[in-house]
Amino acid sequence: MNRAIFLDRDGILNDLVFYPSHGEWESPRAVSDLRMLPGIAAPLISLQNAGWLLFIVTNQPSFAKGKTSLRDLEEVESAVIGSLAREGVRITASYECFHHPEAALSEWRVQCECRKPGTLFLRRAAAEHDIALSQSWMAGDQDSDLACGRAAGCRVALIEYPHSGNKRGVIEPDLRCRNLDELARALC
């Protein structure tokens, strides 16, 4: 069986964006807003060279909330994966949840199993890629990431991204890191 690192995207691979219109730090809504974190490829390459499969698991509710188009969000995800690929990082699969329980668009206003802390995407990755979840990690910057990983049977690493501090603090991680460099050093 394989072992995996499930990565939240925003605050882990790329910066969050401050949108004055809503007064909060959020996921990039367009490729023009996307800023990859400096030096992010090096720790990911170390992890993949050590035998870890890399996945992205991300909640992207901006479309459901009426803040941007679904196409723009898909282009952002494609740009993230493309940027990493150009630096030699192989993302085995990327999973995005576009739902939100308080969505402005009624067809996207659902309680789903794909939105973290739901575990659908981790369970799907395990089935499709022969992954031992008990030997895998979920790395994220919010309690919802940690709850997802824990519920799926993974160990969990908190990446202490500064702009998401208000969305964590309830769940104690197995490993606490300032960034992915520290995670890679701990797991490689």
Foldseek 3Di string as FASTA:
>chain_A
DAAAEEEEPDLAFWDFDQDVVVRATHHDQALVRTGTDPPNLVLLVLCVVVRHAYEYQYEAQCVQQVNHNPVRVVVNVVVSCVVNVVVPHDHPYYHYQHADCPGPHVVRNDDDQSPFVRQVVVVVCCVVPVHDLLRYEYEEAAPSSCSNSVVVNHAYEHAPRPRCVVRHDPDDGPYYHVHSVVVSVVPD
